[in-house]
Amino acid sequence: MSDSVDALVEAAESALSSAHVPYSEYRVGAALETTDGEVFVGCNIENANYSNSLHAEEVAISEAVKRGHTEFERLAVVSGARDGVTPCGMCRQTLVEFCSESLPVVCVDGEEHVTYTLGELLPAAISEETLTESEQ
């Protein structure tokens, strides 16, 4: 693994300690790298009304977009269990809004890094192009 990927995974792991998970106790951290090398991290934030919970990937991308970044290089996701967790469908769709299908998504499974592309995780995603095509 390259040093930059290792650093991104470490950034995602550092976010685990900030997770607010009183119900599931399942911590998730994410680190999203912009094309200019800036890294934004996020952690999951649970709410008693589960549908109001925020996912680590959502928190990271929200922070990046809030600061004017909309082009991304790669994403790392890790859970406290180091069980290979990947972004859920909702987070995948949010990522598609800003990222190409070739975006590397690095997931941590034990001591291994498993890399997928966003397109592998969400084939045939709904996109701006999909909406434009349907209007014709």
C-alpha atoms as a PDB file:
ATOM      1  CA  MET A   1       0.000   0.000   0.000  1.00  0.00           C
ATOM      2  CA  SER A   2       1.305   3.445  -0.784  1.00  0.00           C
ATOM      3  CA  ASP A   3       2.158   5.856   1.991  1.00  0.00           C
ATOM      4  CA  SER A   4      -0.687   8.179   0.937  1.00  0.00           C
ATOM      5  CA  VAL A   5      -3.242   5.352   1.211  1.00  0.00           C
ATOM      6  CA  ASP A   6      -1.820   4.333   4.595  1.00  0.00           C
ATOM      7  CA  ALA A   7      -2.092   7.946   5.775  1.00  0.00           C
ATOM      8  CA  LEU A   8      -5.687   8.117   4.547  1.00  0.00           C
ATOM      9  CA  VAL A   9      -6.574   4.901   6.410  1.00  0.00           C
ATOM     10  CA  GLU A  10      -4.907   6.301   9.538  1.00  0.00           C
ATOM     11  CA  ALA A  11      -6.999   9.469   9.213  1.00  0.00           C
ATOM     12  CA  ALA A  12     -10.170   7.357   8.983  1.00  0.00           C
ATOM     13  CA  GLU A  13      -9.070   5.332  12.012  1.00  0.00           C
ATOM     14  CA  SER A  14      -8.434   8.523  13.998  1.00  0.00           C
ATOM     15  CA  ALA A  15     -12.077   9.534  13.453  1.00  0.00           C
ATOM     16  CA  LEU A  16     -13.313   6.380  15.214  1.00  0.00           C
ATOM     17  CA  SER A  17     -12.744   7.914  18.635  1.00  0.00           C
ATOM     18  CA  SER A  18     -15.156  10.760  17.833  1.00  0.00           C
ATOM     19  CA  ALA A  19     -18.046   8.490  16.809  1.00  0.00           C
ATOM     20  CA  HIS A  20     -21.277   8.896  18.796  1.00  0.00           C
ATOM     21  CA  VAL A  21     -22.675   5.358  18.889  1.00  0.00           C
ATOM     22  CA  PRO A  22     -24.639   4.825  22.124  1.00  0.00           C
ATOM     23  CA  TYR A  23     -27.073   2.379  20.498  1.00  0.00           C
ATOM     24  CA  SER A  24     -25.095   0.134  18.164  1.00  0.00           C
ATOM     25  CA  GLU A  25     -21.606   0.670  19.620  1.00  0.00           C
ATOM     26  CA  TYR A  26     -20.428   0.213  15.998  1.00  0.00           C
ATOM     27  CA  ARG A  27     -17.891   2.942  15.257  1.00  0.00           C
ATOM     28  CA  VAL A  28     -17.135   3.962  11.666  1.00  0.00           C
ATOM     29  CA  GLY A  29     -14.566   6.458  10.449  1.00  0.00           C
ATOM     30  CA  ALA A  30     -14.073   7.808   6.949  1.00  0.00           C
ATOM     31  CA  ALA A  31     -11.407   9.942   5.317  1.00  0.00           C
ATOM     32  CA  LEU A  32     -11.996  11.584   1.954  1.00  0.00           C
ATOM     33  CA  GLU A  33      -9.064  13.001   0.001  1.00  0.00           C
ATOM     34  CA  THR A  34      -9.610  15.859  -2.438  1.00  0.00           C
ATOM     35  CA  THR A  35      -7.787  16.075  -5.759  1.00  0.00           C
ATOM     36  CA  ASP A  36      -5.564  18.781  -4.261  1.00  0.00           C
ATOM     37  CA  GLY A  37      -4.551  16.504  -1.357  1.00  0.00           C
ATOM     38  CA  GLU A  38      -6.681  17.886   1.467  1.00  0.00           C
ATOM     39  CA  VAL A  39      -8.282  15.249   3.705  1.00  0.00           C
ATOM     40  CA  PHE A  40     -11.675  15.502   5.387  1.00  0.00           C
ATOM     41  CA  VAL A  41     -12.687  12.992   8.045  1.00  0.00           C
ATOM     42  CA  GLY A  42     -16.044  11.929   9.387  1.00  0.00           C
ATOM     43  CA  CYS A  43     -17.460   9.560  11.960  1.00  0.00           C
ATOM     44  CA  ASN A  44     -20.902   8.099  12.443  1.00  0.00           C
ATOM     45  CA  ILE A  45     -23.275   9.998  14.720  1.00  0.00           C
ATOM     46  CA  GLU A  46     -26.242   7.966  15.903  1.00  0.00           C
ATOM     47  CA  ASN A  47     -29.606   9.291  16.968  1.00  0.00           C
ATOM     48  CA  ALA A  48     -32.330   7.463  18.886  1.00  0.00           C
ATOM     49  CA  ASN A  49     -34.411   7.923  15.738  1.00  0.00           C
ATOM     50  CA  TYR A  50     -32.090   5.822  13.569  1.00  0.00           C
ATOM     51  CA  SER A  51     -33.173   7.491  10.333  1.00  0.00           C
ATOM     52  CA  ASN A  52     -31.668  10.744  11.639  1.00  0.00           C
ATOM     53  CA  SER A  53     -28.253   9.164  12.192  1.00  0.00           C
ATOM     54  CA  LEU A  54     -25.342  10.416  10.120  1.00  0.00           C
ATOM     55  CA  HIS A  55     -22.862   8.095   8.452  1.00  0.00           C
ATOM     56  CA  ALA A  56     -19.110   8.712   8.535  1.00  0.00           C
ATOM     57  CA  GLU A  57     -18.892   9.103   4.760  1.00  0.00           C
ATOM     58  CA  GLU A  58     -21.721  11.661   4.762  1.00  0.00           C
ATOM     59  CA  VAL A  59     -20.020  13.687   7.483  1.00  0.00           C
ATOM     60  CA  ALA A  60     -16.695  13.686   5.593  1.00  0.00           C
ATOM     61  CA  ILE A  61     -18.178  14.680   2.236  1.00  0.00           C
ATOM     62  CA  SER A  62     -20.403  17.318   3.855  1.00  0.00           C
ATOM     63  CA  GLU A  63     -17.400  18.948   5.480  1.00  0.00           C
ATOM     64  CA  ALA A  64     -15.471  18.918   2.184  1.00  0.00           C
ATOM     65  CA  VAL A  65     -18.337  20.355   0.141  1.00  0.00           C
ATOM     66  CA  LYS A  66     -19.036  22.959   2.813  1.00  0.00           C
ATOM     67  CA  ARG A  67     -15.450  24.141   2.321  1.00  0.00           C
ATOM     68  CA  GLY A  68     -15.788  24.303  -1.462  1.00  0.00           C
ATOM     69  CA  HIS A  69     -14.326  20.937  -2.499  1.00  0.00           C
ATOM     70  CA  THR A  70     -16.191  18.860  -5.066  1.00  0.00           C
ATOM     71  CA  GLU A  71     -13.427  16.796  -6.689  1.00  0.00           C
ATOM     72  CA  PHE A  72     -12.084  13.763  -4.872  1.00  0.00           C
ATOM     73  CA  GLU A  73      -9.150  11.387  -5.227  1.00  0.00           C
ATOM     74  CA  ARG A  74     -10.000   8.491  -2.869  1.00  0.00           C
ATOM     75  CA  LEU A  75     -11.961   7.444   0.203  1.00  0.00           C
ATOM     76  CA  ALA A  76     -10.974   5.240   3.131  1.00  0.00           C
ATOM     77  CA  VAL A  77     -13.545   3.617   5.435  1.00  0.00           C
ATOM     78  CA  VAL A  78     -12.866   1.648   8.602  1.00  0.00           C
ATOM     79  CA  SER A  79     -14.985   0.318  11.443  1.00  0.00           C
ATOM     80  CA  GLY A  80     -13.865  -0.322  14.980  1.00  0.00           C
ATOM     81  CA  ALA A  81     -14.402  -4.003  14.234  1.00  0.00           C
ATOM     82  CA  ARG A  82     -12.080  -3.783  11.176  1.00  0.00           C
ATOM     83  CA  ASP A  83     -14.588  -6.020   9.383  1.00  0.00           C
ATOM     84  CA  GLY A  84     -14.247  -4.692   5.845  1.00  0.00           C
ATOM     85  CA  VAL A  85     -17.243  -2.359   6.074  1.00  0.00           C
ATOM     86  CA  THR A  86     -18.070  -0.573   2.815  1.00  0.00           C
ATOM     87  CA  PRO A  87     -20.218   2.538   2.372  1.00  0.00           C
ATOM     88  CA  CYS A  88     -23.941   1.812   2.498  1.00  0.00           C
ATOM     89  CA  GLY A  89     -26.154   2.404  -0.529  1.00  0.00           C
ATOM     90  CA  MET A  90     -27.200   5.864   0.594  1.00  0.00           C
ATOM     91  CA  CYS A  91     -23.566   6.940   1.051  1.00  0.00           C
ATOM     92  CA  ARG A  92     -22.618   5.397  -2.283  1.00  0.00           C
ATOM     93  CA  GLN A  93     -25.310   7.444  -4.007  1.00  0.00           C
ATOM     94  CA  THR A  94     -24.111  10.613  -2.246  1.00  0.00           C
ATOM     95  CA  LEU A  95     -20.558   9.906  -3.403  1.00  0.00           C
ATOM     96  CA  VAL A  96     -21.761   9.459  -7.013  1.00  0.00           C
ATOM     97  CA  GLU A  97     -23.005  13.050  -6.935  1.00  0.00           C
ATOM     98  CA  PHE A  98     -19.401  14.276  -6.655  1.00  0.00           C
ATOM     99  CA  CYS A  99     -17.140  11.386  -7.693  1.00  0.00           C
ATOM    100  CA  SER A 100     -16.488   9.337 -10.786  1.00  0.00           C
ATOM    101  CA  GLU A 101     -17.155   5.632 -10.873  1.00  0.00           C
ATOM    102  CA  SER A 102     -13.369   5.113 -10.793  1.00  0.00           C
ATOM    103  CA  LEU A 103     -13.020   6.622  -7.279  1.00  0.00           C
ATOM    104  CA  PRO A 104     -10.978   4.152  -5.178  1.00  0.00           C
ATOM    105  CA  VAL A 105     -12.749   3.164  -1.953  1.00  0.00           C
ATOM    106  CA  VAL A 106     -10.294   1.595   0.489  1.00  0.00           C
ATOM    107  CA  CYS A 107     -11.857  -0.581   3.189  1.00  0.00           C
ATOM    108  CA  VAL A 108     -10.066  -2.162   6.135  1.00  0.00           C
ATOM    109  CA  ASP A 109     -10.596  -5.860   6.769  1.00  0.00           C
ATOM    110  CA  GLY A 110      -8.438  -7.007   9.668  1.00  0.00           C
ATOM    111  CA  GLU A 111      -4.933  -5.931   8.706  1.00  0.00           C
ATOM    112  CA  GLU A 112      -5.741  -5.936   4.980  1.00  0.00           C
ATOM    113  CA  HIS A 113      -6.770  -3.016   2.794  1.00  0.00           C
ATOM    114  CA  VAL A 114      -9.365  -3.997   0.206  1.00  0.00           C
ATOM    115  CA  THR A 115      -9.915  -1.504  -2.602  1.00  0.00           C
ATOM    116  CA  TYR A 116     -13.056  -1.221  -4.701  1.00  0.00           C
ATOM    117  CA  THR A 117     -14.081   1.401  -7.207  1.00  0.00           C
ATOM    118  CA  LEU A 118     -17.244   3.359  -6.583  1.00  0.00           C
ATOM    119  CA  GLY A 119     -18.597   1.889  -9.820  1.00  0.00           C
ATOM    120  CA  GLU A 120     -18.073  -1.637  -8.498  1.00  0.00           C
ATOM    121  CA  LEU A 121     -19.929  -0.748  -5.304  1.00  0.00           C
ATOM    122  CA  LEU A 122     -22.791   1.028  -7.102  1.00  0.00           C
ATOM    123  CA  PRO A 123     -23.170  -0.012 -10.744  1.00  0.00           C
ATOM    124  CA  ALA A 124     -25.743   1.848 -12.845  1.00  0.00           C
ATOM    125  CA  ALA A 125     -26.032   4.660 -10.304  1.00  0.00           C
ATOM    126  CA  ILE A 126     -28.536   7.477 -10.637  1.00  0.00           C
ATOM    127  CA  SER A 127     -26.632  10.529 -11.832  1.00  0.00           C
ATOM    128  CA  GLU A 128     -27.160  13.900 -13.419  1.00  0.00           C
ATOM    129  CA  GLU A 129     -26.724  12.162 -16.780  1.00  0.00           C
ATOM    130  CA  THR A 130     -29.410   9.623 -15.880  1.00  0.00           C
ATOM    131  CA  LEU A 131     -31.864  12.416 -15.091  1.00  0.00           C
ATOM    132  CA  THR A 132     -30.983  14.342 -18.258  1.00  0.00           C
ATOM    133  CA  GLU A 133     -31.416  11.226 -20.415  1.00  0.00           C
ATOM    134  CA  SER A 134     -34.827  10.530 -18.896  1.00  0.00           C
ATOM    135  CA  GLU A 135     -36.053  14.011 -19.830  1.00  0.00           C
ATOM    136  CA  GLN A 136     -35.386  13.445 -23.534  1.00  0.00           C
END
